[in-house]
Protein backbone atom coordinates (compact mmCIF):
# COMPACT_ATOMS: atom_id res chain seq x y z
CA MET A 1 111.02 104.84 85.76
CA ASN A 2 114.50 103.87 84.82
CA TYR A 3 114.03 101.00 82.01
CA LYS A 4 116.91 99.06 82.90
CA LEU A 5 115.60 98.21 86.15
CA PHE A 6 112.54 97.20 84.32
CA LEU A 7 114.30 94.97 82.36
CA GLU A 8 116.73 93.59 84.91
CA CYS A 9 112.66 92.61 86.27
CA LYS A 10 111.36 91.09 82.91
CA LYS A 11 113.73 89.26 83.47
CA ALA A 12 113.36 88.06 86.44
CA PHE A 13 110.09 88.06 86.21
CA GLU A 14 110.77 85.44 82.92
CA SER A 15 112.89 82.71 85.93
CA LYS A 16 109.84 83.13 87.87
CA GLN A 17 111.67 85.13 90.76
CA ASN A 18 109.17 87.08 93.87
CA ILE A 19 109.47 91.19 91.88
CA ILE A 20 108.63 93.21 94.46
CA ASP A 21 111.04 91.30 96.78
CA LEU A 22 113.31 91.74 94.72
CA VAL A 23 112.64 96.07 93.72
CA GLN A 24 112.34 96.16 97.95
CA LEU A 25 115.94 95.27 97.91
CA LYS A 26 117.31 98.27 95.68
CA TYR A 27 114.43 100.56 97.03
CA PRO A 28 113.59 99.81 100.41
CA ASN A 29 110.80 103.21 100.46
CA ASN A 30 109.49 102.94 97.89
CA ARG A 31 106.76 99.92 98.19
CA SER A 32 105.33 100.84 95.34
CA LEU A 33 108.02 101.34 92.70
CA SER A 34 107.97 97.55 93.64
CA ILE A 35 104.01 97.26 93.37
CA GLU A 36 104.15 99.16 89.94
CA ILE A 37 106.51 96.52 88.42
CA ALA A 38 105.14 93.79 89.24
CA TYR A 39 102.00 93.94 88.50
CA ASP A 40 102.11 96.27 85.49
CA LEU A 41 104.94 92.46 84.46
CA GLN A 42 101.45 90.65 85.02
CA ALA A 43 98.90 93.28 82.92
CA GLY A 44 96.98 90.89 81.51
CA SER A 45 96.85 87.49 84.00
CA TYR A 46 94.15 88.22 86.28
CA ILE A 47 91.65 88.19 83.27
CA LYS A 48 92.48 85.22 82.28
CA ASP A 49 92.98 84.20 85.67
CA PHE A 50 89.23 85.08 85.76
CA TYR A 51 88.20 82.90 82.81
CA ASN A 52 90.23 80.36 83.66
CA ASN A 53 88.13 79.73 86.71
CA GLU A 54 85.11 82.25 86.06
CA LYS A 55 83.04 80.26 88.21
CA LYS A 56 84.80 80.16 91.06
CA LYS A 57 85.82 84.09 90.73
CA ARG A 58 82.03 84.53 90.47
CA LYS A 59 80.88 83.56 93.75
CA TYR A 60 83.64 85.79 94.67
CA THR A 61 81.95 88.86 93.61
CA ASN A 62 78.23 88.22 94.10
CA GLU A 63 78.92 88.10 97.41
CA CYS A 64 81.31 91.74 97.52
CA GLY A 65 78.42 93.01 95.38
CA ASP A 66 76.01 92.02 96.97
CA ILE A 67 76.24 94.31 100.32
CA LEU A 68 77.69 97.23 97.99
CA LYS A 69 75.06 97.55 96.38
CA GLN A 70 72.76 98.33 98.99
CA TYR A 71 75.22 101.43 99.39
CA VAL A 72 75.07 102.49 96.08
CA ASN A 73 71.90 104.87 93.86
CA ASN A 74 71.85 106.44 90.69
CA LYS A 75 73.49 109.67 92.60
CA THR A 76 76.57 107.61 93.38
CA GLU A 77 80.18 108.56 93.47
CA ILE A 78 82.73 105.99 94.13
CA LEU A 79 86.47 105.89 93.73
CA ASN A 80 87.59 102.48 93.59
CA VAL A 81 91.23 101.89 94.21
CA GLY A 82 93.54 99.25 93.67
CA ALA A 83 91.41 98.34 90.44
CA GLY A 84 93.61 96.36 88.35
CA GLU A 85 92.67 95.17 84.95
CA LEU A 86 89.29 95.51 86.84
CA TRP A 87 87.02 92.68 86.20
CA THR A 88 86.12 92.36 90.36
CA ILE A 89 84.41 95.63 90.10
CA SER A 90 82.99 95.19 87.15
CA LEU A 91 81.41 92.18 88.36
CA MET A 92 80.73 93.57 91.73
CA LEU A 93 78.82 96.21 90.09
CA GLU A 94 77.28 93.99 87.82
CA ARG A 95 75.24 92.32 90.65
CA SER A 96 73.50 96.17 91.40
CA LEU A 97 69.93 97.00 88.97
CA ILE A 98 70.42 100.39 90.60
CA LYS A 99 73.89 102.16 89.17
CA PRO A 100 76.25 104.32 90.08
CA LYS A 101 76.44 107.79 88.61
CA THR A 102 80.68 107.43 87.67
CA VAL A 103 82.84 105.58 89.28
CA TYR A 104 87.16 106.25 89.51
CA ASN A 105 89.31 103.38 88.86
CA LEU A 106 92.53 104.80 90.64
CA GLU A 107 95.21 102.49 89.82
CA LEU A 108 99.39 102.65 89.92
CA SER A 109 99.87 100.63 86.30
CA TRP A 110 99.24 101.91 83.55
CA SER A 111 98.73 98.06 81.59
CA ARG A 112 96.56 96.93 84.58
CA ILE A 113 94.19 99.40 83.66
CA TYR A 114 94.60 99.72 79.75
CA LYS A 115 93.51 95.65 79.58
CA GLY A 116 90.80 96.34 81.82
CA CYS A 117 89.33 98.91 79.67
CA SER A 118 88.34 96.36 77.82
CA PHE A 119 86.73 94.05 80.56
CA TRP A 120 84.95 97.05 81.40
CA SER A 121 83.03 97.87 78.25
CA ASN A 122 82.69 93.58 77.01
CA ILE A 123 80.41 94.27 81.10
CA HIS A 124 78.85 97.85 81.17
CA SER A 125 79.22 99.08 78.51
CA ASN A 126 78.35 102.57 78.62
CA GLU A 127 75.38 102.39 81.32
CA ILE A 128 77.78 103.65 83.60
CA ASN A 129 80.82 106.64 83.12
CA MET A 130 83.33 105.57 83.94
CA LYS A 131 86.85 107.03 84.22
CA PRO A 132 89.99 104.95 84.58
CA ILE A 133 93.33 106.91 85.71
CA VAL A 134 97.12 105.95 86.74
CA ALA A 135 97.56 106.67 90.57
CA ASN A 136 98.95 106.40 94.11
CA MET A 137 96.59 105.84 97.17
CA LEU A 138 98.45 107.51 98.76
CA GLU A 139 98.22 110.52 96.37
CA ILE A 140 94.53 110.40 95.11
CA PRO A 141 94.37 112.73 92.22
CA LEU A 142 90.38 114.68 93.20
CA PRO A 143 89.78 117.61 95.44
CA SER A 144 88.82 116.62 99.71
CA ASN A 145 85.01 114.65 100.33
CA SER A 146 84.40 114.50 96.41
CA VAL A 147 83.73 111.37 95.95
CA ASP A 148 80.24 109.16 97.88
CA ILE A 149 82.40 106.00 99.03
CA ILE A 150 85.94 104.63 98.03
CA THR A 151 86.54 100.36 98.15
CA SER A 152 88.91 98.34 96.94
CA SER A 153 90.05 94.47 96.69
CA HIS A 154 92.86 93.43 98.33
CA ALA A 155 94.12 96.57 97.25
CA LEU A 156 95.77 97.78 99.61
CA GLU A 157 96.53 94.37 101.40
CA PRO A 158 100.13 94.89 99.86
CA ASN A 159 101.04 98.25 101.92
CA GLY A 160 101.23 96.93 105.10
CA SER A 161 104.20 99.41 106.03
CA GLN A 162 102.13 102.69 104.78
CA LEU A 163 98.06 101.92 105.32
CA GLN A 164 97.83 104.70 108.46
CA LYS A 165 98.61 107.76 105.51
CA ILE A 166 96.42 105.39 102.69
CA ILE A 167 93.95 105.68 104.97
CA ALA A 168 94.04 108.76 105.67
CA GLU A 169 95.14 109.98 101.73
CA LEU A 170 90.98 108.10 101.49
CA PHE A 171 89.38 110.11 104.62
CA ARG A 172 90.03 113.34 102.74
CA VAL A 173 88.75 112.14 99.76
CA SER A 174 84.67 110.64 100.87
CA ARG A 175 82.35 112.27 101.94
CA ASN A 176 80.90 109.48 103.95
CA LYS A 177 81.82 105.75 103.28
CA CYS A 178 85.24 103.73 102.17
CA ILE A 179 84.15 100.13 101.39
CA LEU A 180 87.40 97.68 101.91
CA PHE A 181 87.13 94.51 100.57
CA GLU A 182 90.79 93.51 102.22
CA PRO A 183 92.75 90.43 104.63
CA TYR A 184 91.89 90.58 107.97
CA TYR A 185 94.97 89.74 110.00
CA GLU A 186 93.81 89.63 112.98
CA THR A 187 91.43 86.46 112.80
CA CYS A 188 94.09 84.38 110.02
CA SER A 189 95.01 81.32 111.02
CA GLN A 190 98.64 81.45 112.57
CA GLU A 191 98.96 79.96 108.98
CA GLY A 192 98.32 82.88 108.11
CA LYS A 193 99.32 85.17 109.73
CA ASP A 194 102.91 83.95 108.73
CA ARG A 195 103.02 84.18 105.39
CA MET A 196 101.27 87.83 105.33
CA ASP A 197 104.08 88.66 108.28
CA ARG A 198 105.73 87.71 105.11
CA HIS A 199 105.10 89.43 102.46
CA GLY A 200 104.39 92.90 104.19
CA TYR A 201 100.73 92.97 104.16
CA ILE A 202 98.07 95.08 106.24
CA LYS A 203 97.28 95.07 110.16
CA GLY A 204 95.79 96.52 112.21
CA ILE A 205 93.15 97.94 109.78
CA LEU A 206 90.55 98.52 112.47
CA ASN A 207 93.22 100.97 115.10
CA THR A 208 94.40 102.51 112.07
CA VAL A 209 90.57 103.46 110.88
CA LYS A 210 89.55 104.98 115.09
CA GLN A 211 93.00 106.57 115.81
CA LEU A 212 92.16 108.89 111.96
CA GLY A 213 88.78 109.68 113.51
CA GLY A 214 86.70 107.02 111.18
CA ILE A 215 84.39 104.49 112.90
CA VAL A 216 84.18 101.13 111.60
CA GLU A 217 80.15 99.93 111.40
CA GLN A 218 80.41 96.59 110.32
CA VAL A 219 83.22 93.75 109.24
CA ILE A 220 81.64 91.05 107.24
CA PRO A 221 83.27 87.85 106.67
CA ILE A 222 82.95 87.41 102.65
CA LYS A 223 82.97 83.02 102.72
CA ASN A 224 83.76 83.00 98.62
CA VAL A 225 87.53 83.28 99.17
CA ALA A 226 90.55 82.20 97.03
CA ASN A 227 92.65 81.69 99.52
CA VAL A 228 92.45 80.44 102.87
CA LEU A 229 95.32 81.36 103.87
CA ASN A 230 94.02 85.10 103.11
CA PRO A 231 90.60 85.51 103.81
CA THR A 232 88.57 88.59 102.39
CA ASN A 233 86.50 90.38 105.03
CA CYS A 234 84.52 93.51 104.03
CA PHE A 235 85.12 96.54 106.54
CA ILE A 236 82.32 99.07 105.93
CA ILE A 237 83.56 102.08 107.12
CA THR A 238 82.18 106.15 108.00
CA THR A 239 84.98 108.37 107.42
CA PRO A 240 85.81 110.82 109.95
CA ARG A 241 83.49 113.87 108.57
CA GLY A 242 80.08 111.07 107.11
CA GLN A 243 77.30 113.10 104.81
CA VAL A 244 79.89 115.91 103.81
CA GLU A 245 78.22 118.11 100.55
CA TYR A 246 80.77 118.58 98.12
CA TYR A 247 79.69 121.68 96.40
CA GLY A 248 83.00 122.38 94.56
CA ASN A 249 83.80 121.13 90.88
CA ARG A 250 84.65 117.73 90.11
CA HIS A 251 87.42 117.69 88.56
CA PHE A 252 90.92 115.98 88.84
CA THR A 253 93.57 117.94 91.14
CA VAL A 254 97.64 118.04 91.18
CA PRO A 255 97.41 114.49 92.95
CA GLY A 256 97.62 114.55 97.33
CA THR A 257 96.25 118.60 96.98
CA GLU A 258 93.51 120.49 96.06
CA CYS A 259 94.89 121.82 93.52
CA MET A 260 92.54 121.93 89.19
CA LEU A 261 93.13 120.05 86.87
CA GLU A 262 92.57 122.28 83.41
CA GLU A 263 92.14 119.36 80.51
CA LYS A 264 93.81 119.92 77.70
CA GLU A 265 95.34 118.68 74.06
CA GLY A 266 97.24 115.27 75.70
CA CYS A 267 96.97 116.46 79.74
CA TYR A 268 95.97 118.06 81.69
CA TYR A 269 97.04 121.01 83.71
CA SER A 270 97.58 122.42 86.89
CA PRO A 271 97.75 126.85 86.38
CA ASN A 272 98.62 127.11 90.09
CA THR A 273 101.63 124.74 89.79
CA GLY A 274 103.05 124.51 86.35
CA LEU A 275 102.63 120.91 86.27
CA ALA A 276 101.40 118.96 83.26
CA PHE A 277 99.87 115.53 83.43
CA PRO A 278 100.14 113.49 80.47
CA ILE A 279 98.02 110.88 78.88
CA ILE A 280 97.42 107.26 77.44
CA LYS A 281 95.94 106.19 74.65
CA ASN A 282 92.83 107.78 76.90
CA ILE A 283 94.45 107.03 80.07
CA PRO A 284 95.34 110.00 82.48
CA ILE A 285 98.07 109.83 84.09
CA PHE A 286 98.38 111.92 87.70
CA LYS A 287 101.70 110.66 89.58
CA ASN A 288 103.66 113.32 90.95
CA GLN A 289 106.89 112.22 90.26
CA ASN A 290 106.22 112.12 86.09
CA ALA A 291 104.45 115.23 86.35
CA ILE A 292 105.57 118.07 83.24
CA LEU A 293 106.88 120.85 84.45
CA ALA A 294 105.33 123.47 81.96
CA SER A 295 104.72 126.92 83.77
CA LYS A 296 104.91 128.04 79.61
CA TYR A 297 101.78 126.40 79.03
CA ASP A 298 99.09 128.70 78.51
CA ASP A 299 101.80 131.37 76.99
CA THR A 300 101.21 133.04 72.82
CA ILE A 301 103.94 132.08 71.05
């Protein structure tokens, strides 16, 4: 991370400027960087907003959770992408009497997911095996076909230019379903479409899924939305393989690959590539650009 850029963004954030637009001007081909900085600066604000609007927020998570729980059993492994501060997924899963086996919460910003871990603990304590990870949806640090369900809540939303790459990566990792709570551009009002266009939000999700070999089984409009100009729909998608069993070991991998990682002291290490990925406060950072080349890690001094 360029700390000078971050300090510039911090100053701009304090004066209420749009951080994503600011970073995009300097790095027009790096959407992920602009999103990471913007969300890092906002870390903690979404939990505060939840408590300030708890009744309204719970209506949303109750409605979404009642859909998600239909696909969850005690053997289910879930990957939640764009996990944010974990309040959404925490409350969605609170609706399930039967809890999933494992939930991987993937978030681009370390600060956001660090804040979210306390919220998760308050809701679920240790009743669900939860693994927080910092990574990019474009390069997920899990093997192919290794999770049952991938879910999201307005996480794909700001990635309009990268939608096809993201869906392809979700399809690589999920062996069964993607249950995505995202905006539906094509059914939005013209005012809503104009707003989504200005912000670079996703569009054409049905065509993208079809092009990549998936099947949209159902699209369910969500009634309790935060913004009528950005209404949520639940896209229930069967991945191209559908029900392919995963027989490998459920280890983390070098992001976007099948190269297994070994947990070491303070890092995850790949003997195949020589890359080490740091762990900060028990949260691993699985970003290829932040990996450390440490090919002699296992050598005896």
